[in-house]
Amino acid sequence: MSDAELIEEYLNGSQEAFTEFYARHKDSLYTFLKNRQPETADDLFQETFLKFIGAIWQQQVQSPRAYLFRIALNLIRKSYSSSQPVIIDFNEELLPNPVTEESPLSEEELQSGLQILAREKPRFYDVLHLHIFSRFTFDRISEVTGENRNTIASRYRYALKYLRDILNSKFDYTKEVSHE
């Protein structure tokens, strides 16, 4: 069943349908929240689903997954604090091309680079995370954020460039990193 069909079944009284929807999206949503707001991820996770449930009873939602992430993103933006660190759980297979023994980049270095990106350029990080880790298309990210698809594509390119610059600096924080 599609997400929209599961939500329709839930609204018609099937708790199992919502359980299935929840099971499909809980991990990627929680990872997204944990990376951005590690201290409050649990609360934001619960609040996201509560707001989502309230919303689907009040209005028809065409793209439930996108709407769920839009709620989460709005909650993050509402409570965002740049002083909080970002934590990425590498126990899950998140990257399309995992780090190999031949790769000069370690998981710790990548994690540090992503933490810097999330702290310094949160909008770039959001797009990068939603596209790579949550496997959203640019169109879907545009739907979630309410921003133009071309803006999303540009932010993704800038996020990759910014992350590459960070990683190329080899974490020598005395060097100036160009982030144009």
Protein backbone atom coordinates (compact mmCIF):
# COMPACT_ATOMS: atom_id res chain seq x y z
CA MET A 1 0.00 0.00 0.00
CA SER A 2 1.13 3.54 -0.64
CA ASP A 3 1.55 5.98 2.23
CA ALA A 4 -1.59 7.84 1.16
CA GLU A 5 -3.55 4.57 1.18
CA LEU A 6 -2.21 3.70 4.63
CA ILE A 7 -3.30 7.06 5.98
CA GLU A 8 -6.73 6.67 4.39
CA GLU A 9 -7.07 3.23 6.02
CA TYR A 10 -5.99 4.70 9.36
CA LEU A 11 -8.61 7.43 9.08
CA ASN A 12 -11.15 4.68 8.43
CA GLY A 13 -10.23 2.97 11.70
CA SER A 14 -7.25 0.73 10.93
CA GLN A 15 -4.59 1.15 13.62
CA GLU A 16 -2.47 -1.41 11.76
CA ALA A 17 -2.28 0.94 8.76
CA PHE A 18 -0.79 3.71 10.89
CA THR A 19 1.57 1.23 12.51
CA GLU A 20 2.83 0.32 9.04
CA PHE A 21 3.23 3.99 8.06
CA TYR A 22 5.10 4.65 11.32
CA ALA A 23 7.39 1.64 10.79
CA ARG A 24 8.26 2.82 7.28
CA HIS A 25 9.35 6.29 8.29
CA LYS A 26 10.38 6.28 11.95
CA ASP A 27 14.06 5.49 11.38
CA SER A 28 14.76 8.09 8.71
CA LEU A 29 12.77 10.74 10.59
CA TYR A 30 14.51 10.02 13.87
CA THR A 31 17.95 10.05 12.24
CA PHE A 32 17.14 13.38 10.64
CA LEU A 33 16.04 14.85 13.97
CA LYS A 34 18.92 13.32 15.91
CA ASN A 35 21.48 14.78 13.51
CA ARG A 36 20.04 18.27 13.81
CA GLN A 37 18.83 18.36 17.42
CA PRO A 38 20.51 15.57 19.42
CA GLU A 39 19.41 16.90 22.80
CA THR A 40 15.73 17.22 21.88
CA ALA A 41 15.37 14.62 19.11
CA ASP A 42 13.11 12.35 21.18
CA ASP A 43 10.72 15.19 22.00
CA LEU A 44 10.76 16.52 18.44
CA PHE A 45 10.13 13.02 17.10
CA GLN A 46 7.04 12.61 19.28
CA GLU A 47 5.84 16.14 18.58
CA THR A 48 6.24 15.58 14.84
CA PHE A 49 4.03 12.50 14.87
CA LEU A 50 1.47 14.16 17.16
CA LYS A 51 1.21 17.18 14.86
CA PHE A 52 1.06 14.85 11.86
CA ILE A 53 -1.82 12.85 13.36
CA GLY A 54 -3.67 16.04 14.21
CA ALA A 55 -3.17 17.39 10.71
CA ILE A 56 -4.36 14.31 8.85
CA TRP A 57 -7.63 14.38 10.79
CA GLN A 58 -8.16 18.02 9.81
CA GLN A 59 -7.08 18.04 6.18
CA GLN A 60 -6.33 15.72 3.31
CA VAL A 61 -2.59 15.18 2.93
CA GLN A 62 -1.47 14.23 -0.58
CA SER A 63 2.10 13.24 0.27
CA PRO A 64 2.16 11.97 3.86
CA ARG A 65 5.92 11.31 4.06
CA ALA A 66 6.79 14.75 2.71
CA TYR A 67 4.27 16.34 5.08
CA LEU A 68 5.78 14.45 8.02
CA PHE A 69 9.25 15.78 7.19
CA ARG A 70 7.89 19.28 6.63
CA ILE A 71 6.51 19.24 10.17
CA ALA A 72 9.87 18.00 11.50
CA LEU A 73 11.78 20.64 9.57
CA ASN A 74 9.50 23.39 10.86
CA LEU A 75 9.97 22.16 14.43
CA ILE A 76 13.74 22.11 13.96
CA ARG A 77 13.75 25.62 12.58
CA LYS A 78 11.59 26.76 15.46
CA SER A 79 13.92 25.32 18.09
CA TYR A 80 17.26 25.39 16.27
CA SER A 81 20.27 26.29 18.32
CA SER A 82 23.60 26.48 16.51
CA SER A 83 25.50 25.59 19.67
CA GLN A 84 24.26 22.03 19.69
CA PRO A 85 26.46 19.35 18.14
CA VAL A 86 25.34 17.03 15.37
CA ILE A 87 25.53 13.28 15.86
CA ILE A 88 25.45 10.86 12.98
CA ASP A 89 24.86 7.18 13.62
CA PHE A 90 27.06 5.15 11.31
CA ASN A 91 25.58 1.89 12.57
CA GLU A 92 23.03 2.27 9.80
CA GLU A 93 24.05 2.14 6.15
CA LEU A 94 23.39 5.75 5.26
CA LEU A 95 25.81 6.63 2.53
CA PRO A 96 25.39 5.38 -1.03
CA ASN A 97 29.16 4.82 -1.32
CA PRO A 98 30.48 3.61 2.05
CA VAL A 99 33.98 4.52 3.12
CA THR A 100 36.41 1.76 2.14
CA GLU A 101 39.84 0.82 3.44
CA GLU A 102 41.39 2.36 0.33
CA SER A 103 39.61 5.65 0.95
CA PRO A 104 41.69 8.38 2.58
CA LEU A 105 38.56 9.61 4.37
CA SER A 106 37.52 7.95 7.62
CA GLU A 107 33.99 7.81 9.00
CA GLU A 108 35.09 10.04 11.87
CA GLU A 109 36.37 12.67 9.43
CA LEU A 110 33.16 12.51 7.44
CA GLN A 111 31.11 12.78 10.63
CA SER A 112 33.13 15.80 11.72
CA GLY A 113 32.67 17.41 8.32
CA LEU A 114 28.92 16.85 8.45
CA GLN A 115 28.80 18.29 11.97
CA ILE A 116 30.54 21.43 10.75
CA LEU A 117 28.19 21.66 7.76
CA ALA A 118 25.11 21.29 10.00
CA ARG A 119 26.38 23.91 12.42
CA GLU A 120 27.59 26.46 9.87
CA LYS A 121 25.17 25.93 6.98
CA PRO A 122 22.00 24.26 8.36
CA ARG A 123 19.94 24.81 5.20
CA PHE A 124 22.63 23.15 3.09
CA TYR A 125 22.79 20.30 5.58
CA ASP A 126 19.00 19.85 5.49
CA VAL A 127 19.02 19.39 1.72
CA LEU A 128 22.05 17.09 1.81
CA HIS A 129 20.52 14.95 4.55
CA LEU A 130 17.10 14.72 2.95
CA HIS A 131 18.58 13.84 -0.44
CA ILE A 132 21.31 11.39 0.55
CA PHE A 133 20.22 9.93 3.87
CA SER A 134 16.43 10.05 3.50
CA ARG A 135 16.57 9.53 -0.27
CA PHE A 136 14.19 12.38 -1.12
CA THR A 137 14.19 13.75 -4.66
CA PHE A 138 14.78 17.47 -5.18
CA ASP A 139 11.10 17.81 -6.06
CA ARG A 140 10.11 16.15 -2.79
CA ILE A 141 12.54 18.33 -0.79
CA SER A 142 11.03 21.34 -2.51
CA GLU A 143 7.62 20.15 -1.40
CA VAL A 144 8.83 19.61 2.18
CA THR A 145 10.59 22.97 2.51
CA GLY A 146 8.20 25.02 0.41
CA GLU A 147 11.13 26.36 -1.60
CA ASN A 148 11.82 26.32 -5.32
CA ARG A 149 13.31 23.11 -6.76
CA ASN A 150 16.18 25.06 -8.36
CA THR A 151 17.01 26.56 -4.98
CA ILE A 152 17.10 23.06 -3.50
CA ALA A 153 19.37 21.80 -6.30
CA SER A 154 21.71 24.77 -5.77
CA ARG A 155 21.84 24.20 -2.03
CA TYR A 156 22.70 20.56 -2.63
CA ARG A 157 25.58 21.51 -4.93
CA TYR A 158 26.79 24.14 -2.46
CA ALA A 159 26.50 21.62 0.41
CA LEU A 160 28.70 19.17 -1.48
CA LYS A 161 31.22 21.90 -2.30
CA TYR A 162 31.23 23.21 1.26
CA LEU A 163 31.65 19.68 2.66
CA ARG A 164 34.43 18.95 0.15
CA ASP A 165 36.23 22.16 1.20
CA ILE A 166 35.91 21.19 4.85
CA LEU A 167 37.21 17.68 4.22
CA ASN A 168 40.05 18.91 2.00
CA SER A 169 41.26 21.18 4.78
CA LYS A 170 42.10 17.88 6.57
CA PHE A 171 40.50 19.30 9.69
CA ASP A 172 43.29 21.78 10.25
CA TYR A 173 41.11 24.44 11.87
CA THR A 174 43.90 27.01 11.66
CA LYS A 175 43.44 27.07 7.88
CA GLU A 176 40.90 29.36 6.29
CA VAL A 177 38.30 27.39 4.33
CA SER A 178 36.74 29.08 1.31
CA HIS A 179 32.94 28.75 1.37
CA GLU A 180 31.75 30.78 -1.58
